[in-house]
């Protein structure tokens, strides 16, 4: 897989002019979006991994094999920024999700160690409402004891009312689950 950073954007005029299908990675702050992107693309530093949550403030576009784009968006649920900054972020996200025709699916990241949050559920409801297909990925599965991993995935499945076979457990540390997620994404094109 050849993955390259293309651009960062805060508004529509900065989006890349391309017709490539886009896969958007979403999730709450600190769920592991950057680590997921790096592991999925097998690149160590493609997406910046910060030590504190809320570092991604832009839409970051990555070209994958010149056949599709991976888009990293800011995490939600972390409000350690000014009200005006939060409003700008909200506008940027609304504009992108409502106006970008290239979006083919969303990869919704959920921390495997916890129940999906209210924000997670609201995001999934939004994507269902606007008919954007969703791939559910349970991150940090390595932090769940092996004997409890299936139970953790079942729990996410039940909380989100999504079939278990559509919930993929991944670990950036153990490098597991990514081929399955990649196959699921590519089957959507």
N, C-alpha and C. Protein backbone atom coordinates (compact mmCIF):
# COMPACT_ATOMS: atom_id res chain seq x y z
N UNK A 1 0.84 -1.18 0.00
CA UNK A 1 0.00 0.00 0.00
C UNK A 1 0.89 1.25 0.00
N UNK A 2 0.58 2.17 -0.89
CA UNK A 2 1.30 3.44 -0.92
C UNK A 2 0.36 4.52 -0.37
N UNK A 3 0.74 5.09 0.75
CA UNK A 3 -0.07 6.11 1.41
C UNK A 3 0.74 7.40 1.51
N UNK A 4 0.11 8.49 1.07
CA UNK A 4 0.80 9.79 1.10
C UNK A 4 -0.13 10.87 1.63
N UNK A 5 0.44 11.74 2.45
CA UNK A 5 -0.31 12.92 2.90
C UNK A 5 -0.55 13.82 1.70
N UNK A 6 -1.77 14.33 1.56
CA UNK A 6 -2.10 15.22 0.44
C UNK A 6 -2.22 16.66 0.92
N UNK A 7 -3.11 16.91 1.87
CA UNK A 7 -3.31 18.27 2.36
C UNK A 7 -4.13 18.27 3.65
N UNK A 8 -4.09 19.41 4.33
CA UNK A 8 -4.97 19.66 5.48
C UNK A 8 -5.91 20.78 5.07
N UNK A 9 -7.12 20.74 5.59
CA UNK A 9 -8.11 21.74 5.20
C UNK A 9 -8.96 22.16 6.39
N UNK A 10 -9.40 23.41 6.36
CA UNK A 10 -10.35 23.91 7.35
C UNK A 10 -11.66 24.31 6.70
N UNK A 11 -11.64 24.40 5.37
CA UNK A 11 -12.86 24.83 4.66
C UNK A 11 -12.92 24.23 3.26
N UNK A 12 -14.09 24.33 2.66
CA UNK A 12 -14.36 23.71 1.37
C UNK A 12 -13.35 24.10 0.28
N UNK A 13 -12.95 25.34 0.26
CA UNK A 13 -12.03 25.81 -0.78
C UNK A 13 -10.66 25.13 -0.70
N UNK A 14 -10.35 24.50 0.44
CA UNK A 14 -9.07 23.84 0.63
C UNK A 14 -9.14 22.32 0.41
N UNK A 15 -10.33 21.78 0.18
CA UNK A 15 -10.45 20.35 -0.06
C UNK A 15 -9.74 20.00 -1.36
N UNK A 16 -9.13 18.84 -1.43
CA UNK A 16 -8.45 18.47 -2.68
C UNK A 16 -9.47 18.27 -3.81
N UNK A 17 -9.08 18.72 -4.99
CA UNK A 17 -9.95 18.56 -6.16
C UNK A 17 -9.69 17.18 -6.75
N UNK A 18 -10.52 16.24 -6.35
CA UNK A 18 -10.36 14.86 -6.77
C UNK A 18 -11.73 14.20 -6.81
N UNK A 19 -11.82 13.15 -7.58
CA UNK A 19 -13.06 12.36 -7.61
C UNK A 19 -12.87 11.02 -6.91
N UNK A 20 -11.71 10.82 -6.29
CA UNK A 20 -11.44 9.55 -5.59
C UNK A 20 -12.42 9.36 -4.45
N UNK A 21 -12.88 8.12 -4.23
CA UNK A 21 -13.76 7.87 -3.09
C UNK A 21 -13.01 8.15 -1.78
N UNK A 22 -13.76 8.63 -0.78
CA UNK A 22 -13.15 8.98 0.50
C UNK A 22 -13.72 8.13 1.63
N UNK A 23 -12.81 7.69 2.50
CA UNK A 23 -13.14 6.93 3.70
C UNK A 23 -12.74 7.82 4.86
N UNK A 24 -13.69 8.15 5.72
CA UNK A 24 -13.46 9.10 6.80
C UNK A 24 -13.33 8.35 8.13
N UNK A 25 -12.26 8.64 8.86
CA UNK A 25 -12.02 8.02 10.17
C UNK A 25 -12.51 8.98 11.25
N UNK A 26 -13.50 8.52 12.02
CA UNK A 26 -14.08 9.35 13.08
C UNK A 26 -14.04 8.61 14.41
N UNK A 27 -14.11 9.38 15.48
CA UNK A 27 -14.15 8.81 16.82
C UNK A 27 -13.89 9.89 17.85
N UNK A 28 -14.15 9.56 19.08
CA UNK A 28 -13.92 10.55 20.14
C UNK A 28 -12.42 10.79 20.28
N UNK A 29 -12.09 11.89 20.90
CA UNK A 29 -10.69 12.20 21.15
C UNK A 29 -10.04 11.09 21.97
N UNK A 30 -8.83 10.74 21.62
CA UNK A 30 -8.02 9.75 22.33
C UNK A 30 -8.48 8.30 22.10
N UNK A 31 -9.28 8.06 21.06
CA UNK A 31 -9.71 6.69 20.77
C UNK A 31 -8.67 5.95 19.94
N UNK A 32 -7.72 6.70 19.36
CA UNK A 32 -6.65 6.08 18.59
C UNK A 32 -6.78 6.24 17.09
N UNK A 33 -7.33 7.36 16.63
CA UNK A 33 -7.51 7.59 15.19
C UNK A 33 -6.17 7.62 14.46
N UNK A 34 -5.22 8.38 14.95
CA UNK A 34 -3.92 8.48 14.27
C UNK A 34 -3.19 7.15 14.30
N UNK A 35 -3.22 6.46 15.42
CA UNK A 35 -2.58 5.13 15.51
C UNK A 35 -3.25 4.16 14.54
N UNK A 36 -4.58 4.24 14.45
CA UNK A 36 -5.33 3.39 13.51
C UNK A 36 -4.88 3.65 12.07
N UNK A 37 -4.80 4.92 11.70
CA UNK A 37 -4.40 5.29 10.33
C UNK A 37 -2.99 4.79 10.04
N UNK A 38 -2.07 4.99 10.97
CA UNK A 38 -0.69 4.53 10.77
C UNK A 38 -0.61 3.01 10.64
N UNK A 39 -1.36 2.29 11.46
CA UNK A 39 -1.33 0.82 11.39
C UNK A 39 -2.02 0.32 10.13
N UNK A 40 -3.13 0.93 9.76
CA UNK A 40 -3.86 0.51 8.56
C UNK A 40 -3.01 0.68 7.31
N UNK A 41 -2.26 1.78 7.26
CA UNK A 41 -1.44 2.07 6.08
C UNK A 41 -0.03 1.51 6.19
N UNK A 42 0.28 0.91 7.35
CA UNK A 42 1.61 0.36 7.62
C UNK A 42 2.70 1.43 7.51
N UNK A 43 2.36 2.63 7.99
CA UNK A 43 3.31 3.74 8.04
C UNK A 43 3.39 4.23 9.47
N UNK A 44 4.60 4.42 9.98
CA UNK A 44 4.76 4.80 11.38
C UNK A 44 4.36 6.23 11.69
N UNK A 45 4.61 7.14 10.77
CA UNK A 45 4.36 8.55 11.08
C UNK A 45 3.52 9.26 10.03
N UNK A 46 2.62 8.54 9.37
CA UNK A 46 1.76 9.19 8.39
C UNK A 46 0.84 10.20 9.08
N UNK A 47 0.17 9.76 10.14
CA UNK A 47 -0.69 10.65 10.93
C UNK A 47 0.01 10.93 12.25
N UNK A 48 -0.06 12.17 12.71
CA UNK A 48 0.59 12.56 13.95
C UNK A 48 -0.11 11.93 15.14
N UNK A 49 0.64 11.27 16.01
CA UNK A 49 0.10 10.68 17.23
C UNK A 49 0.55 11.57 18.38
N UNK A 50 -0.42 12.22 19.02
CA UNK A 50 -0.11 13.12 20.13
C UNK A 50 -0.23 12.41 21.46
N UNK A 51 0.42 12.97 22.48
CA UNK A 51 0.33 12.38 23.81
C UNK A 51 -0.90 12.89 24.56
N UNK A 52 -1.49 13.97 24.07
CA UNK A 52 -2.71 14.48 24.69
C UNK A 52 -3.82 14.48 23.65
N UNK A 53 -5.08 14.29 24.10
CA UNK A 53 -6.19 14.25 23.16
C UNK A 53 -6.48 15.61 22.54
N UNK A 54 -7.15 15.58 21.39
CA UNK A 54 -7.60 16.82 20.77
C UNK A 54 -6.58 17.52 19.90
N UNK A 55 -5.54 16.81 19.43
CA UNK A 55 -4.50 17.45 18.63
C UNK A 55 -4.94 17.72 17.19
N UNK A 56 -5.76 16.82 16.62
CA UNK A 56 -6.20 17.01 15.24
C UNK A 56 -7.28 18.08 15.21
N UNK A 57 -7.01 19.17 14.50
CA UNK A 57 -7.98 20.27 14.41
C UNK A 57 -8.37 20.56 12.96
N UNK A 58 -7.84 19.74 12.04
CA UNK A 58 -8.06 19.96 10.61
C UNK A 58 -8.59 18.68 9.97
N UNK A 59 -9.08 18.80 8.75
CA UNK A 59 -9.37 17.63 7.94
C UNK A 59 -8.07 17.28 7.24
N UNK A 60 -7.56 16.09 7.47
CA UNK A 60 -6.29 15.65 6.87
C UNK A 60 -6.58 14.58 5.83
N UNK A 61 -6.16 14.83 4.59
CA UNK A 61 -6.43 13.94 3.47
C UNK A 61 -5.17 13.15 3.11
N UNK A 62 -5.33 11.82 2.97
CA UNK A 62 -4.23 10.94 2.61
C UNK A 62 -4.61 10.14 1.37
N UNK A 63 -3.76 10.14 0.37
CA UNK A 63 -3.98 9.36 -0.84
C UNK A 63 -3.53 7.93 -0.59
N UNK A 64 -4.41 6.97 -0.91
CA UNK A 64 -4.08 5.56 -0.73
C UNK A 64 -4.04 4.90 -2.11
N UNK A 65 -2.85 4.51 -2.53
CA UNK A 65 -2.64 3.81 -3.80
C UNK A 65 -3.22 4.54 -5.01
N UNK A 66 -3.38 5.82 -4.91
CA UNK A 66 -3.98 6.63 -5.98
C UNK A 66 -5.34 6.10 -6.42
N UNK A 67 -6.02 5.37 -5.49
CA UNK A 67 -7.34 4.84 -5.82
C UNK A 67 -8.43 5.31 -4.86
N UNK A 68 -8.02 5.73 -3.65
CA UNK A 68 -9.00 6.28 -2.70
C UNK A 68 -8.29 7.17 -1.69
N UNK A 69 -9.08 7.95 -0.95
CA UNK A 69 -8.53 8.87 0.04
C UNK A 69 -9.00 8.45 1.43
N UNK A 70 -8.10 8.55 2.38
CA UNK A 70 -8.42 8.34 3.78
C UNK A 70 -8.43 9.74 4.40
N UNK A 71 -9.46 10.05 5.14
CA UNK A 71 -9.60 11.39 5.71
C UNK A 71 -9.68 11.29 7.23
N UNK A 72 -8.76 11.96 7.89
CA UNK A 72 -8.70 12.01 9.35
C UNK A 72 -9.37 13.31 9.78
N UNK A 73 -10.37 13.20 10.65
CA UNK A 73 -11.08 14.39 11.12
C UNK A 73 -10.86 14.56 12.62
N UNK A 74 -11.08 15.76 13.15
CA UNK A 74 -10.90 15.97 14.58
C UNK A 74 -11.80 15.06 15.41
N UNK A 75 -11.29 14.64 16.55
CA UNK A 75 -12.09 13.83 17.47
C UNK A 75 -13.16 14.68 18.13
N UNK A 76 -14.19 14.02 18.61
CA UNK A 76 -15.27 14.72 19.30
C UNK A 76 -15.25 14.35 20.78
N UNK A 77 -15.96 15.15 21.58
CA UNK A 77 -16.08 14.84 23.00
C UNK A 77 -14.97 15.39 23.86
N UNK A 78 -14.08 16.18 23.28
CA UNK A 78 -12.98 16.76 24.06
C UNK A 78 -13.11 18.27 23.94
N UNK A 79 -13.55 18.92 24.99
CA UNK A 79 -13.90 20.33 24.89
C UNK A 79 -12.88 21.29 25.51
N UNK A 80 -11.61 20.94 25.47
CA UNK A 80 -10.59 21.81 26.05
C UNK A 80 -10.12 22.83 25.02
N UNK A 81 -11.10 23.58 24.49
CA UNK A 81 -10.80 24.67 23.57
C UNK A 81 -11.89 25.70 23.73
N UNK A 82 -11.64 26.88 23.21
CA UNK A 82 -12.59 27.97 23.38
C UNK A 82 -13.90 27.68 22.66
N UNK A 83 -14.95 28.38 23.08
CA UNK A 83 -16.27 28.20 22.46
C UNK A 83 -16.22 28.54 20.98
N UNK A 84 -15.50 29.62 20.62
CA UNK A 84 -15.43 30.00 19.21
C UNK A 84 -14.67 28.95 18.39
N UNK A 85 -13.64 28.35 18.99
CA UNK A 85 -12.90 27.29 18.30
C UNK A 85 -13.78 26.07 18.09
N UNK A 86 -14.57 25.72 19.10
CA UNK A 86 -15.50 24.59 18.98
C UNK A 86 -16.53 24.85 17.89
N UNK A 87 -17.02 26.09 17.82
CA UNK A 87 -18.00 26.44 16.78
C UNK A 87 -17.40 26.34 15.39
N UNK A 88 -16.16 26.81 15.22
CA UNK A 88 -15.47 26.70 13.92
C UNK A 88 -15.29 25.24 13.53
N UNK A 89 -14.89 24.43 14.51
CA UNK A 89 -14.70 23.00 14.27
C UNK A 89 -16.02 22.36 13.85
N UNK A 90 -17.09 22.70 14.54
CA UNK A 90 -18.42 22.16 14.21
C UNK A 90 -18.85 22.55 12.81
N UNK A 91 -18.62 23.80 12.45
CA UNK A 91 -18.98 24.26 11.09
C UNK A 91 -18.17 23.52 10.04
N UNK A 92 -16.87 23.35 10.29
CA UNK A 92 -16.00 22.65 9.35
C UNK A 92 -16.50 21.22 9.12
N UNK A 93 -16.87 20.54 10.20
CA UNK A 93 -17.35 19.17 10.11
C UNK A 93 -18.70 19.09 9.40
N UNK A 94 -19.62 19.97 9.75
CA UNK A 94 -20.94 19.99 9.09
C UNK A 94 -20.80 20.21 7.60
N UNK A 95 -19.97 21.19 7.23
CA UNK A 95 -19.77 21.49 5.82
C UNK A 95 -19.22 20.27 5.08
N UNK A 96 -18.23 19.63 5.67
CA UNK A 96 -17.61 18.48 5.02
C UNK A 96 -18.61 17.33 4.86
N UNK A 97 -19.26 16.92 5.94
CA UNK A 97 -20.15 15.76 5.87
C UNK A 97 -21.41 16.02 5.04
N UNK A 98 -21.84 17.26 4.98
CA UNK A 98 -23.06 17.56 4.21
C UNK A 98 -22.80 17.89 2.75
N UNK A 99 -21.57 18.28 2.41
CA UNK A 99 -21.32 18.73 1.04
C UNK A 99 -20.32 17.89 0.24
N UNK A 100 -19.58 17.04 0.88
CA UNK A 100 -18.55 16.28 0.16
C UNK A 100 -19.17 15.03 -0.45
N UNK A 101 -19.29 15.02 -1.74
CA UNK A 101 -19.93 13.91 -2.45
C UNK A 101 -19.05 12.66 -2.53
N UNK A 102 -17.75 12.80 -2.35
CA UNK A 102 -16.83 11.68 -2.48
C UNK A 102 -16.85 10.72 -1.29
N UNK A 103 -17.52 11.09 -0.19
CA UNK A 103 -17.53 10.23 1.00
C UNK A 103 -18.27 8.93 0.67
N UNK A 104 -17.56 7.81 0.79
CA UNK A 104 -18.15 6.50 0.51
C UNK A 104 -18.49 5.73 1.77
N UNK A 105 -17.72 5.96 2.84
CA UNK A 105 -18.04 5.32 4.11
C UNK A 105 -17.28 6.01 5.24
N UNK A 106 -17.73 5.71 6.44
CA UNK A 106 -17.10 6.23 7.64
C UNK A 106 -16.60 5.04 8.45
N UNK A 107 -15.37 5.14 8.95
CA UNK A 107 -14.85 4.16 9.88
C UNK A 107 -15.00 4.78 11.26
N UNK A 108 -15.97 4.27 12.02
CA UNK A 108 -16.28 4.78 13.35
C UNK A 108 -15.47 4.00 14.37
N UNK A 109 -14.54 4.67 15.04
CA UNK A 109 -13.70 4.02 16.05
C UNK A 109 -14.35 4.11 17.43
N UNK A 110 -14.37 2.99 18.12
CA UNK A 110 -14.90 2.90 19.48
C UNK A 110 -13.82 2.21 20.32
N UNK A 111 -13.57 2.70 21.52
CA UNK A 111 -12.59 2.07 22.41
C UNK A 111 -13.17 0.75 22.90
N UNK A 112 -12.49 -0.35 22.62
CA UNK A 112 -12.99 -1.69 22.96
C UNK A 112 -13.16 -1.89 24.47
N UNK A 113 -12.49 -1.08 25.27
CA UNK A 113 -12.54 -1.25 26.72
C UNK A 113 -13.80 -0.65 27.36
N UNK A 114 -14.54 0.16 26.58
CA UNK A 114 -15.67 0.90 27.16
C UNK A 114 -16.92 0.76 26.31
N UNK A 115 -18.05 1.02 26.92
CA UNK A 115 -19.30 1.11 26.15
C UNK A 115 -19.21 2.30 25.21
N UNK A 116 -19.89 2.23 24.06
CA UNK A 116 -19.95 3.40 23.19
C UNK A 116 -20.56 4.57 23.96
N UNK A 117 -20.01 5.76 23.75
CA UNK A 117 -20.49 6.95 24.47
C UNK A 117 -21.74 7.50 23.80
N UNK A 118 -22.38 8.44 24.46
CA UNK A 118 -23.54 9.13 23.89
C UNK A 118 -23.13 9.81 22.58
N UNK A 119 -21.94 10.41 22.57
CA UNK A 119 -21.43 11.06 21.35
C UNK A 119 -21.24 10.04 20.22
N UNK A 120 -20.71 8.85 20.55
CA UNK A 120 -20.54 7.79 19.56
C UNK A 120 -21.88 7.45 18.93
N UNK A 121 -22.88 7.26 19.77
CA UNK A 121 -24.21 6.88 19.29
C UNK A 121 -24.82 7.98 18.43
N UNK A 122 -24.63 9.23 18.84
CA UNK A 122 -25.17 10.35 18.06
C UNK A 122 -24.49 10.43 16.69
N UNK A 123 -23.19 10.20 16.64
CA UNK A 123 -22.48 10.22 15.35
C UNK A 123 -23.01 9.11 14.44
N UNK A 124 -23.16 7.93 14.97
CA UNK A 124 -23.65 6.81 14.18
C UNK A 124 -25.07 7.08 13.68
N UNK A 125 -25.91 7.64 14.55
CA UNK A 125 -27.28 8.00 14.13
C UNK A 125 -27.24 9.02 12.99
N UNK A 126 -26.32 9.99 13.09
CA UNK A 126 -26.18 11.00 12.04
C UNK A 126 -25.81 10.34 10.71
N UNK A 127 -24.82 9.44 10.73
CA UNK A 127 -24.38 8.80 9.49
C UNK A 127 -25.48 7.93 8.89
N UNK A 128 -26.25 7.27 9.76
CA UNK A 128 -27.39 6.48 9.27
C UNK A 128 -28.42 7.41 8.61
N UNK A 129 -28.66 8.54 9.25
CA UNK A 129 -29.64 9.51 8.76
C UNK A 129 -29.27 10.05 7.37
N UNK A 130 -27.98 10.30 7.15
CA UNK A 130 -27.54 10.84 5.86
C UNK A 130 -27.07 9.74 4.90
N UNK A 131 -27.35 8.48 5.28
CA UNK A 131 -27.08 7.31 4.43
C UNK A 131 -25.61 7.14 4.05
N UNK A 132 -24.72 7.37 5.02
CA UNK A 132 -23.30 7.09 4.81
C UNK A 132 -23.01 5.75 5.48
N UNK A 133 -22.54 4.74 4.72
CA UNK A 133 -22.23 3.44 5.32
C UNK A 133 -21.17 3.57 6.42
N UNK A 134 -21.32 2.73 7.44
CA UNK A 134 -20.45 2.79 8.61
C UNK A 134 -19.72 1.46 8.81
N UNK A 135 -18.41 1.55 9.07
CA UNK A 135 -17.62 0.40 9.48
C UNK A 135 -17.25 0.64 10.94
N UNK A 136 -17.66 -0.26 11.83
CA UNK A 136 -17.36 -0.09 13.25
C UNK A 136 -16.05 -0.81 13.58
N UNK A 137 -15.13 -0.06 14.19
CA UNK A 137 -13.83 -0.62 14.57
C UNK A 137 -13.61 -0.40 16.06
N UNK A 138 -13.39 -1.49 16.77
CA UNK A 138 -13.10 -1.43 18.21
C UNK A 138 -11.59 -1.37 18.38
N UNK A 139 -11.09 -0.21 18.77
CA UNK A 139 -9.65 -0.01 18.93
C UNK A 139 -9.18 -0.51 20.30
N UNK A 140 -7.88 -0.63 20.41
CA UNK A 140 -7.22 -0.99 21.68
C UNK A 140 -7.69 -2.34 22.22
N UNK A 141 -8.03 -3.26 21.31
CA UNK A 141 -8.50 -4.58 21.72
C UNK A 141 -7.42 -5.33 22.49
N UNK A 142 -6.15 -4.96 22.28
CA UNK A 142 -5.05 -5.61 23.01
C UNK A 142 -5.11 -5.30 24.50
N UNK A 143 -5.83 -4.25 24.88
CA UNK A 143 -5.92 -3.88 26.30
C UNK A 143 -7.07 -4.61 27.00
N UNK A 144 -7.79 -5.44 26.22
CA UNK A 144 -8.85 -6.28 26.78
C UNK A 144 -8.26 -7.69 26.87
N UNK A 145 -8.40 -8.36 28.02
CA UNK A 145 -7.87 -9.74 28.12
C UNK A 145 -8.42 -10.61 26.99
N UNK A 146 -7.58 -11.48 26.45
CA UNK A 146 -7.98 -12.31 25.30
C UNK A 146 -9.28 -13.07 25.55
N UNK A 147 -9.49 -13.53 26.78
CA UNK A 147 -10.70 -14.29 27.09
C UNK A 147 -11.96 -13.42 27.12
N UNK A 148 -11.79 -12.09 27.11
CA UNK A 148 -12.95 -11.19 27.19
C UNK A 148 -13.15 -10.36 25.92
N UNK A 149 -12.35 -10.61 24.89
CA UNK A 149 -12.43 -9.79 23.68
C UNK A 149 -13.75 -9.98 22.93
N UNK A 150 -14.20 -11.22 22.77
CA UNK A 150 -15.46 -11.46 22.07
C UNK A 150 -16.60 -10.79 22.83
N UNK A 151 -16.57 -10.89 24.15
CA UNK A 151 -17.61 -10.25 24.98
C UNK A 151 -17.60 -8.74 24.77
N UNK A 152 -16.43 -8.14 24.69
CA UNK A 152 -16.32 -6.69 24.47
C UNK A 152 -16.91 -6.30 23.12
N UNK A 153 -16.62 -7.09 22.08
CA UNK A 153 -17.16 -6.80 20.74
C UNK A 153 -18.67 -7.00 20.71
N UNK A 154 -19.16 -8.04 21.40
CA UNK A 154 -20.61 -8.27 21.48
C UNK A 154 -21.29 -7.10 22.18
N UNK A 155 -20.65 -6.59 23.22
CA UNK A 155 -21.22 -5.47 23.95
C UNK A 155 -21.38 -4.24 23.04
N UNK A 156 -20.34 -3.94 22.26
CA UNK A 156 -20.41 -2.81 21.33
C UNK A 156 -21.51 -3.05 20.31
N UNK A 157 -21.57 -4.27 19.80
CA UNK A 157 -22.60 -4.65 18.83
C UNK A 157 -24.00 -4.41 19.39
N UNK A 158 -24.23 -4.85 20.61
CA UNK A 158 -25.54 -4.68 21.23
C UNK A 158 -25.86 -3.22 21.52
N UNK A 159 -24.89 -2.49 22.05
CA UNK A 159 -25.11 -1.07 22.37
C UNK A 159 -25.47 -0.26 21.12
N UNK A 160 -24.84 -0.60 20.01
CA UNK A 160 -25.05 0.16 18.77
C UNK A 160 -26.13 -0.45 17.88
N UNK A 161 -26.64 -1.61 18.28
CA UNK A 161 -27.65 -2.32 17.49
C UNK A 161 -27.15 -2.57 16.07
N UNK A 162 -25.93 -3.10 16.02
CA UNK A 162 -25.26 -3.43 14.75
C UNK A 162 -24.83 -4.89 14.86
N UNK A 163 -25.00 -5.68 13.79
CA UNK A 163 -24.59 -7.09 13.86
C UNK A 163 -23.11 -7.25 14.26
N UNK A 164 -22.84 -8.26 15.07
CA UNK A 164 -21.48 -8.52 15.57
C UNK A 164 -20.47 -8.66 14.44
N UNK A 165 -20.87 -9.27 13.32
CA UNK A 165 -19.93 -9.46 12.21
C UNK A 165 -19.49 -8.14 11.59
N UNK A 166 -20.18 -7.04 11.93
CA UNK A 166 -19.81 -5.73 11.41
C UNK A 166 -18.96 -4.92 12.40
N UNK A 167 -18.57 -5.54 13.51
CA UNK A 167 -17.71 -4.88 14.49
C UNK A 167 -16.34 -5.55 14.43
N UNK A 168 -15.32 -4.77 14.08
CA UNK A 168 -13.97 -5.29 13.89
C UNK A 168 -13.06 -4.85 15.03
N UNK A 169 -12.46 -5.81 15.71
CA UNK A 169 -11.50 -5.49 16.76
C UNK A 169 -10.11 -5.33 16.17
N UNK A 170 -9.42 -4.24 16.54
CA UNK A 170 -8.06 -4.01 16.04
C UNK A 170 -7.13 -3.63 17.19
N UNK A 171 -5.85 -3.88 16.94
CA UNK A 171 -4.81 -3.45 17.87
C UNK A 171 -3.62 -2.94 17.07
N UNK A 172 -3.29 -1.69 17.28
CA UNK A 172 -2.10 -1.10 16.63
C UNK A 172 -0.83 -1.71 17.20
N UNK A 173 -0.88 -2.11 18.47
CA UNK A 173 0.27 -2.71 19.13
C UNK A 173 0.53 -4.12 18.64
N UNK A 174 -0.53 -4.94 18.61
CA UNK A 174 -0.40 -6.33 18.18
C UNK A 174 -0.52 -6.50 16.66
N UNK A 175 -0.84 -5.41 15.97
CA UNK A 175 -1.00 -5.43 14.50
C UNK A 175 -2.02 -6.49 14.07
N UNK A 176 -3.19 -6.47 14.72
CA UNK A 176 -4.23 -7.42 14.35
C UNK A 176 -5.52 -6.70 13.94
N UNK A 177 -6.25 -7.33 13.02
CA UNK A 177 -7.56 -6.85 12.61
C UNK A 177 -7.59 -5.90 11.43
N UNK A 178 -6.43 -5.41 10.99
CA UNK A 178 -6.41 -4.37 9.96
C UNK A 178 -6.72 -4.89 8.56
N UNK A 179 -6.28 -6.11 8.25
CA UNK A 179 -6.57 -6.66 6.92
C UNK A 179 -8.07 -6.82 6.73
N UNK A 180 -8.75 -7.27 7.77
CA UNK A 180 -10.20 -7.44 7.74
C UNK A 180 -10.89 -6.09 7.50
N UNK A 181 -10.44 -5.06 8.21
CA UNK A 181 -11.02 -3.73 8.05
C UNK A 181 -10.76 -3.22 6.64
N UNK A 182 -9.55 -3.39 6.15
CA UNK A 182 -9.20 -2.95 4.80
C UNK A 182 -10.06 -3.66 3.75
N UNK A 183 -10.26 -4.95 3.90
CA UNK A 183 -11.13 -5.69 2.98
C UNK A 183 -12.55 -5.14 3.01
N UNK A 184 -13.05 -4.87 4.19
CA UNK A 184 -14.41 -4.33 4.33
C UNK A 184 -14.53 -2.97 3.64
N UNK A 185 -13.53 -2.10 3.85
CA UNK A 185 -13.53 -0.78 3.22
C UNK A 185 -13.50 -0.93 1.70
N UNK A 186 -12.58 -1.73 1.20
CA UNK A 186 -12.43 -1.85 -0.25
C UNK A 186 -13.64 -2.49 -0.91
N UNK A 187 -14.35 -3.34 -0.19
CA UNK A 187 -15.57 -3.93 -0.74
C UNK A 187 -16.69 -2.92 -0.90
N UNK A 188 -16.56 -1.76 -0.24
CA UNK A 188 -17.59 -0.73 -0.35
C UNK A 188 -17.46 0.10 -1.62
N UNK A 189 -16.33 -0.02 -2.32
CA UNK A 189 -16.15 0.77 -3.54
C UNK A 189 -16.79 0.03 -4.70
